[in-house]
PDB file of N, CA and C in Angstrom:
ATOM      1  N   MET A   1      -4.397 -34.637 -16.200  1.00  0.00           N
ATOM      2  CA  MET A   1      -5.692 -34.730 -15.568  1.00  0.00           C
ATOM      3  C   MET A   1      -6.543 -33.499 -15.913  1.00  0.00           C
ATOM      4  N   ALA A   2      -5.931 -32.322 -15.871  1.00  0.00           N
ATOM      5  CA  ALA A   2      -6.666 -31.100 -16.192  1.00  0.00           C
ATOM      6  C   ALA A   2      -7.117 -31.117 -17.649  1.00  0.00           C
ATOM      7  N   ASP A   3      -6.236 -31.588 -18.544  1.00  0.00           N
ATOM      8  CA  ASP A   3      -6.600 -31.667 -19.960  1.00  0.00           C
ATOM      9  C   ASP A   3      -7.763 -32.631 -20.170  1.00  0.00           C
ATOM     10  N   GLN A   4      -7.731 -33.735 -19.475  1.00  0.00           N
ATOM     11  CA  GLN A   4      -8.797 -34.735 -19.601  1.00  0.00           C
ATOM     12  C   GLN A   4     -10.132 -34.145 -19.148  1.00  0.00           C
ATOM     13  N   GLN A   5     -10.127 -33.452 -18.022  1.00  0.00           N
ATOM     14  CA  GLN A   5     -11.365 -32.848 -17.528  1.00  0.00           C
ATOM     15  C   GLN A   5     -11.854 -31.743 -18.460  1.00  0.00           C
ATOM     16  N   ALA A   6     -10.942 -30.995 -19.040  1.00  0.00           N
ATOM     17  CA  ALA A   6     -11.331 -29.942 -19.985  1.00  0.00           C
ATOM     18  C   ALA A   6     -11.981 -30.544 -21.228  1.00  0.00           C
ATOM     19  N   LYS A   7     -11.436 -31.649 -21.720  1.00  0.00           N
ATOM     20  CA  LYS A   7     -12.015 -32.322 -22.884  1.00  0.00           C
ATOM     21  C   LYS A   7     -13.412 -32.857 -22.568  1.00  0.00           C
ATOM     22  N   GLU A   8     -13.562 -33.451 -21.389  1.00  0.00           N
ATOM     23  CA  GLU A   8     -14.872 -33.967 -20.984  1.00  0.00           C
ATOM     24  C   GLU A   8     -15.886 -32.829 -20.876  1.00  0.00           C
ATOM     25  N   ALA A   9     -15.475 -31.718 -20.320  1.00  0.00           N
ATOM     26  CA  ALA A   9     -16.369 -30.572 -20.184  1.00  0.00           C
ATOM     27  C   ALA A   9     -16.740 -30.020 -21.553  1.00  0.00           C
ATOM     28  N   ALA A  10     -15.796 -30.020 -22.494  1.00  0.00           N
ATOM     29  CA  ALA A  10     -16.063 -29.514 -23.836  1.00  0.00           C
ATOM     30  C   ALA A  10     -17.058 -30.408 -24.577  1.00  0.00           C
ATOM     31  N   ARG A  11     -17.023 -31.697 -24.301  1.00  0.00           N
ATOM     32  CA  ARG A  11     -17.943 -32.635 -24.955  1.00  0.00           C
ATOM     33  C   ARG A  11     -19.334 -32.643 -24.322  1.00  0.00           C
ATOM     34  N   ASN A  12     -19.442 -32.219 -23.072  1.00  0.00           N
ATOM     35  CA  ASN A  12     -20.698 -32.267 -22.337  1.00  0.00           C
ATOM     36  C   ASN A  12     -21.633 -31.148 -22.809  1.00  0.00           C
ATOM     37  N   LYS A  13     -22.760 -31.520 -23.386  1.00  0.00           N
ATOM     38  CA  LYS A  13     -23.728 -30.540 -23.913  1.00  0.00           C
ATOM     39  C   LYS A  13     -24.661 -30.016 -22.824  1.00  0.00           C
ATOM     40  N   ASN A  14     -24.643 -30.618 -21.632  1.00  0.00           N
ATOM     41  CA  ASN A  14     -25.557 -30.220 -20.564  1.00  0.00           C
ATOM     42  C   ASN A  14     -24.992 -29.130 -19.651  1.00  0.00           C
ATOM     43  N   ILE A  15     -23.794 -28.691 -19.937  1.00  0.00           N
ATOM     44  CA  ILE A  15     -23.191 -27.655 -19.110  1.00  0.00           C
ATOM     45  C   ILE A  15     -23.716 -26.296 -19.545  1.00  0.00           C
ATOM     46  N   GLU A  16     -24.216 -25.566 -18.594  1.00  0.00           N
ATOM     47  CA  GLU A  16     -24.758 -24.246 -18.878  1.00  0.00           C
ATOM     48  C   GLU A  16     -23.610 -23.240 -18.952  1.00  0.00           C
ATOM     49  N   GLU A  17     -23.583 -22.465 -20.015  1.00  0.00           N
ATOM     50  CA  GLU A  17     -22.554 -21.456 -20.169  1.00  0.00           C
ATOM     51  C   GLU A  17     -23.065 -20.121 -19.650  1.00  0.00           C
ATOM     52  N   TYR A  18     -22.198 -19.411 -18.963  1.00  0.00           N
ATOM     53  CA  TYR A  18     -22.536 -18.056 -18.551  1.00  0.00           C
ATOM     54  C   TYR A  18     -21.246 -17.258 -18.411  1.00  0.00           C
ATOM     55  N   TYR A  19     -21.382 -16.013 -18.671  1.00  0.00           N
ATOM     56  CA  TYR A  19     -20.240 -15.114 -18.586  1.00  0.00           C
ATOM     57  C   TYR A  19     -20.622 -13.914 -17.738  1.00  0.00           C
ATOM     58  N   ILE A  20     -19.729 -13.552 -16.881  1.00  0.00           N
ATOM     59  CA  ILE A  20     -19.937 -12.354 -16.083  1.00  0.00           C
ATOM     60  C   ILE A  20     -19.002 -11.299 -16.660  1.00  0.00           C
ATOM     61  N   LYS A  21     -19.595 -10.277 -17.217  1.00  0.00           N
ATOM     62  CA  LYS A  21     -18.778  -9.226 -17.808  1.00  0.00           C
ATOM     63  C   LYS A  21     -18.298  -8.295 -16.702  1.00  0.00           C
ATOM     64  N   ILE A  22     -17.000  -8.270 -16.523  1.00  0.00           N
ATOM     65  CA  ILE A  22     -16.391  -7.395 -15.530  1.00  0.00           C
ATOM     66  C   ILE A  22     -15.416  -6.500 -16.278  1.00  0.00           C
ATOM     67  N   PRO A  23     -15.537  -5.197 -16.090  1.00  0.00           N
ATOM     68  CA  PRO A  23     -14.605  -4.301 -16.781  1.00  0.00           C
ATOM     69  C   PRO A  23     -13.166  -4.558 -16.361  1.00  0.00           C
ATOM     70  N   LYS A  24     -12.265  -4.389 -17.309  1.00  0.00           N
ATOM     71  CA  LYS A  24     -10.847  -4.588 -17.047  1.00  0.00           C
ATOM     72  C   LYS A  24     -10.377  -3.691 -15.907  1.00  0.00           C
ATOM     73  N   SER A  25     -10.920  -2.484 -15.828  1.00  0.00           N
ATOM     74  CA  SER A  25     -10.504  -1.548 -14.777  1.00  0.00           C
ATOM     75  C   SER A  25     -10.825  -2.096 -13.385  1.00  0.00           C
ATOM     76  N   VAL A  26     -11.923  -2.815 -13.253  1.00  0.00           N
ATOM     77  CA  VAL A  26     -12.302  -3.396 -11.962  1.00  0.00           C
ATOM     78  C   VAL A  26     -11.324  -4.519 -11.594  1.00  0.00           C
ATOM     79  N   VAL A  27     -11.008  -5.347 -12.559  1.00  0.00           N
ATOM     80  CA  VAL A  27     -10.069  -6.450 -12.322  1.00  0.00           C
ATOM     81  C   VAL A  27      -8.701  -5.887 -11.928  1.00  0.00           C
ATOM     82  N   MET A  28      -8.249  -4.871 -12.657  1.00  0.00           N
ATOM     83  CA  MET A  28      -6.946  -4.269 -12.365  1.00  0.00           C
ATOM     84  C   MET A  28      -6.945  -3.613 -10.985  1.00  0.00           C
ATOM     85  N   SER A  29      -8.024  -2.951 -10.637  1.00  0.00           N
ATOM     86  CA  SER A  29      -8.122  -2.289  -9.338  1.00  0.00           C
ATOM     87  C   SER A  29      -8.082  -3.313  -8.202  1.00  0.00           C
ATOM     88  N   GLU A  30      -8.829  -4.392  -8.352  1.00  0.00           N
ATOM     89  CA  GLU A  30      -8.845  -5.442  -7.331  1.00  0.00           C
ATOM     90  C   GLU A  30      -7.473  -6.120  -7.222  1.00  0.00           C
ATOM     91  N   GLN A  31      -6.826  -6.315  -8.354  1.00  0.00           N
ATOM     92  CA  GLN A  31      -5.493  -6.927  -8.352  1.00  0.00           C
ATOM     93  C   GLN A  31      -4.500  -6.019  -7.629  1.00  0.00           C
ATOM     94  N   LYS A  32      -4.579  -4.731  -7.883  1.00  0.00           N
ATOM     95  CA  LYS A  32      -3.682  -3.784  -7.213  1.00  0.00           C
ATOM     96  C   LYS A  32      -3.935  -3.795  -5.703  1.00  0.00           C
ATOM     97  N   GLU A  33      -5.193  -3.796  -5.317  1.00  0.00           N
ATOM     98  CA  GLU A  33      -5.541  -3.805  -3.897  1.00  0.00           C
ATOM     99  C   GLU A  33      -4.979  -5.048  -3.201  1.00  0.00           C
ATOM    100  N   GLN A  34      -5.139  -6.208  -3.830  1.00  0.00           N
ATOM    101  CA  GLN A  34      -4.621  -7.446  -3.256  1.00  0.00           C
ATOM    102  C   GLN A  34      -3.091  -7.425  -3.182  1.00  0.00           C
ATOM    103  N   SER A  35      -2.460  -6.866  -4.200  1.00  0.00           N
ATOM    104  CA  SER A  35      -1.000  -6.784  -4.217  1.00  0.00           C
ATOM    105  C   SER A  35      -0.485  -5.894  -3.096  1.00  0.00           C
ATOM    106  N   VAL A  36      -1.151  -4.766  -2.884  1.00  0.00           N
ATOM    107  CA  VAL A  36      -0.736  -3.848  -1.827  1.00  0.00           C
ATOM    108  C   VAL A  36      -0.929  -4.493  -0.460  1.00  0.00           C
ATOM    109  N   LYS A  37      -2.005  -5.232  -0.269  1.00  0.00           N
ATOM    110  CA  LYS A  37      -2.226  -5.931   1.003  1.00  0.00           C
ATOM    111  C   LYS A  37      -1.130  -6.957   1.250  1.00  0.00           C
ATOM    112  N   TRP A  38      -0.774  -7.711   0.204  1.00  0.00           N
ATOM    113  CA  TRP A  38       0.287  -8.706   0.333  1.00  0.00           C
ATOM    114  C   TRP A  38       1.611  -8.019   0.647  1.00  0.00           C
ATOM    115  N   TRP A  39       1.901  -6.941  -0.091  1.00  0.00           N
ATOM    116  CA  TRP A  39       3.142  -6.215   0.099  1.00  0.00           C
ATOM    117  C   TRP A  39       3.216  -5.662   1.526  1.00  0.00           C
ATOM    118  N   GLN A  40       2.111  -5.111   2.024  1.00  0.00           N
ATOM    119  CA  GLN A  40       2.081  -4.563   3.377  1.00  0.00           C
ATOM    120  C   GLN A  40       2.357  -5.648   4.412  1.00  0.00           C
ATOM    121  N   ARG A  41       1.760  -6.811   4.221  1.00  0.00           N
ATOM    122  CA  ARG A  41       1.972  -7.919   5.156  1.00  0.00           C
ATOM    123  C   ARG A  41       3.449  -8.322   5.159  1.00  0.00           C
ATOM    124  N   GLU A  42       4.035  -8.446   3.966  1.00  0.00           N
ATOM    125  CA  GLU A  42       5.450  -8.786   3.862  1.00  0.00           C
ATOM    126  C   GLU A  42       6.316  -7.695   4.491  1.00  0.00           C
ATOM    127  N   TRP A  43       5.992  -6.444   4.259  1.00  0.00           N
ATOM    128  CA  TRP A  43       6.739  -5.298   4.777  1.00  0.00           C
ATOM    129  C   TRP A  43       6.666  -5.264   6.302  1.00  0.00           C
ATOM    130  N   THR A  44       5.508  -5.551   6.845  1.00  0.00           N
ATOM    131  CA  THR A  44       5.328  -5.536   8.294  1.00  0.00           C
ATOM    132  C   THR A  44       6.107  -6.662   8.963  1.00  0.00           C
ATOM    133  N   GLU A  45       6.153  -7.811   8.329  1.00  0.00           N
ATOM    134  CA  GLU A  45       6.776  -8.986   8.928  1.00  0.00           C
ATOM    135  C   GLU A  45       8.300  -9.028   8.790  1.00  0.00           C
ATOM    136  N   THR A  46       8.863  -8.312   7.829  1.00  0.00           N
ATOM    137  CA  THR A  46      10.308  -8.387   7.629  1.00  0.00           C
ATOM    138  C   THR A  46      11.060  -7.613   8.706  1.00  0.00           C
ATOM    139  N   THR A  47      12.269  -8.070   8.971  1.00  0.00           N
ATOM    140  CA  THR A  47      13.113  -7.382   9.951  1.00  0.00           C
ATOM    141  C   THR A  47      14.083  -6.430   9.256  1.00  0.00           C
ATOM    142  N   LYS A  48      14.048  -6.394   7.958  1.00  0.00           N
ATOM    143  CA  LYS A  48      14.958  -5.538   7.194  1.00  0.00           C
ATOM    144  C   LYS A  48      14.291  -4.186   6.898  1.00  0.00           C
ATOM    145  N   GLY A  49      15.115  -3.209   6.534  1.00  0.00           N
ATOM    146  CA  GLY A  49      14.602  -1.909   6.103  1.00  0.00           C
ATOM    147  C   GLY A  49      14.104  -1.017   7.219  1.00  0.00           C
ATOM    148  N   ALA A  50      14.706  -1.104   8.383  1.00  0.00           N
ATOM    149  CA  ALA A  50      14.231  -0.337   9.546  1.00  0.00           C
ATOM    150  C   ALA A  50      14.219   1.173   9.295  1.00  0.00           C
ATOM    151  N   ILE A  51      15.260   1.678   8.626  1.00  0.00           N
ATOM    152  CA  ILE A  51      15.312   3.120   8.364  1.00  0.00           C
ATOM    153  C   ILE A  51      14.208   3.513   7.392  1.00  0.00           C
ATOM    154  N   THR A  52      14.032   2.761   6.347  1.00  0.00           N
ATOM    155  CA  THR A  52      12.979   3.055   5.375  1.00  0.00           C
ATOM    156  C   THR A  52      11.609   2.936   6.027  1.00  0.00           C
ATOM    157  N   LYS A  53      11.420   1.940   6.878  1.00  0.00           N
ATOM    158  CA  LYS A  53      10.147   1.760   7.581  1.00  0.00           C
ATOM    159  C   LYS A  53       9.821   2.953   8.468  1.00  0.00           C
ATOM    160  N   ALA A  54      10.865   3.602   9.003  1.00  0.00           N
ATOM    161  CA  ALA A  54      10.637   4.781   9.840  1.00  0.00           C
ATOM    162  C   ALA A  54       9.981   5.897   9.021  1.00  0.00           C
ATOM    163  N   PHE A  55      10.352   5.993   7.750  1.00  0.00           N
ATOM    164  CA  PHE A  55       9.770   7.010   6.875  1.00  0.00           C
ATOM    165  C   PHE A  55       8.450   6.554   6.261  1.00  0.00           C
ATOM    166  N   PHE A  56       8.365   5.275   5.921  1.00  0.00           N
ATOM    167  CA  PHE A  56       7.179   4.734   5.244  1.00  0.00           C
ATOM    168  C   PHE A  56       6.705   3.451   5.913  1.00  0.00           C
ATOM    169  N   PRO A  57       6.038   3.544   7.065  1.00  0.00           N
ATOM    170  CA  PRO A  57       5.556   2.325   7.713  1.00  0.00           C
ATOM    171  C   PRO A  57       4.404   1.669   6.947  1.00  0.00           C
ATOM    172  N   GLU A  58       3.691   2.470   6.153  1.00  0.00           N
ATOM    173  CA  GLU A  58       2.560   1.957   5.377  1.00  0.00           C
ATOM    174  C   GLU A  58       2.893   2.017   3.888  1.00  0.00           C
ATOM    175  N   ILE A  59       2.736   0.906   3.209  1.00  0.00           N
ATOM    176  CA  ILE A  59       3.028   0.833   1.781  1.00  0.00           C
ATOM    177  C   ILE A  59       2.149   1.806   0.999  1.00  0.00           C
ATOM    178  N   GLU A  60       0.901   1.921   1.364  1.00  0.00           N
ATOM    179  CA  GLU A  60      -0.024   2.816   0.655  1.00  0.00           C
ATOM    180  C   GLU A  60       0.481   4.258   0.706  1.00  0.00           C
ATOM    181  N   ASP A  61       1.020   4.675   1.852  1.00  0.00           N
ATOM    182  CA  ASP A  61       1.570   6.027   1.962  1.00  0.00           C
ATOM    183  C   ASP A  61       2.751   6.208   1.019  1.00  0.00           C
ATOM    184  N   ARG A  62       3.608   5.189   0.932  1.00  0.00           N
ATOM    185  CA  ARG A  62       4.762   5.251   0.037  1.00  0.00           C
ATOM    186  C   ARG A  62       4.313   5.347  -1.413  1.00  0.00           C
ATOM    187  N   LEU A  63       3.302   4.592  -1.781  1.00  0.00           N
ATOM    188  CA  LEU A  63       2.822   4.611  -3.160  1.00  0.00           C
ATOM    189  C   LEU A  63       2.210   5.960  -3.532  1.00  0.00           C
ATOM    190  N   ASN A  64       1.669   6.652  -2.556  1.00  0.00           N
ATOM    191  CA  ASN A  64       1.051   7.953  -2.817  1.00  0.00           C
ATOM    192  C   ASN A  64       2.026   9.118  -2.699  1.00  0.00           C
ATOM    193  N   THR A  65       3.278   8.825  -2.392  1.00  0.00           N
ATOM    194  CA  THR A  65       4.289   9.867  -2.234  1.00  0.00           C
ATOM    195  C   THR A  65       5.154   9.944  -3.486  1.00  0.00           C
ATOM    196  N   LYS A  66       5.304  11.142  -4.006  1.00  0.00           N
ATOM    197  CA  LYS A  66       6.188  11.332  -5.157  1.00  0.00           C
ATOM    198  C   LYS A  66       7.593  11.561  -4.635  1.00  0.00           C
ATOM    199  N   LEU A  67       8.518  10.753  -5.099  1.00  0.00           N
ATOM    200  CA  LEU A  67       9.908  10.869  -4.690  1.00  0.00           C
ATOM    201  C   LEU A  67      10.732  11.382  -5.866  1.00  0.00           C
ATOM    202  N   TYR A  68      11.600  12.305  -5.569  1.00  0.00           N
ATOM    203  CA  TYR A  68      12.467  12.865  -6.602  1.00  0.00           C
ATOM    204  C   TYR A  68      13.912  12.568  -6.232  1.00  0.00           C
ATOM    205  N   SER A  69      14.672  12.174  -7.197  1.00  0.00           N
ATOM    206  CA  SER A  69      16.069  11.864  -6.970  1.00  0.00           C
ATOM    207  C   SER A  69      16.924  12.947  -7.605  1.00  0.00           C
ATOM    208  N   HIS A  70      17.786  13.544  -6.804  1.00  0.00           N
ATOM    209  CA  HIS A  70      18.689  14.571  -7.303  1.00  0.00           C
ATOM    210  C   HIS A  70      20.110  14.122  -7.021  1.00  0.00           C
ATOM    211  N   SER A  71      20.905  14.112  -8.041  1.00  0.00           N
ATOM    212  CA  SER A  71      22.291  13.712  -7.866  1.00  0.00           C
ATOM    213  C   SER A  71      23.182  14.894  -8.179  1.00  0.00           C
ATOM    214  N   ASN A  72      24.042  15.230  -7.244  1.00  0.00           N
ATOM    215  CA  ASN A  72      24.992  16.318  -7.452  1.00  0.00           C
ATOM    216  C   ASN A  72      26.373  15.785  -7.785  1.00  0.00           C
ATOM    217  N   ARG A  73      26.444  14.529  -8.088  1.00  0.00           N
ATOM    218  CA  ARG A  73      27.726  13.920  -8.397  1.00  0.00           C
ATOM    219  C   ARG A  73      28.217  14.359  -9.767  1.00  0.00           C
ATOM    220  N   THR A  74      29.482  14.573  -9.838  1.00  0.00           N
ATOM    221  CA  THR A  74      30.105  14.814 -11.152  1.00  0.00           C
ATOM    222  C   THR A  74      31.188  13.776 -11.323  1.00  0.00           C
ATOM    223  N   TRP A  75      31.194  13.150 -12.411  1.00  0.00           N
ATOM    224  CA  TRP A  75      32.140  12.070 -12.659  1.00  0.00           C
ATOM    225  C   TRP A  75      33.226  12.539 -13.558  1.00  0.00           C
TER     226      TRP A  75
END
């Protein structure tokens, strides 16, 4: 059905073409913002990760925090 409608639209000479130029950086920024909102909603609703949530209740805070891993293990 989608292919059929695309073919009909391609044949139609009365369709006005227009393009909105949006910089890639704007699209990427908006995508990141939406992803963080979704992640926050999922993080808030889950019952798992209580200890981690105590340290990072907000996803945005976690993303802005640099974490370093140090291992003193010797094998």
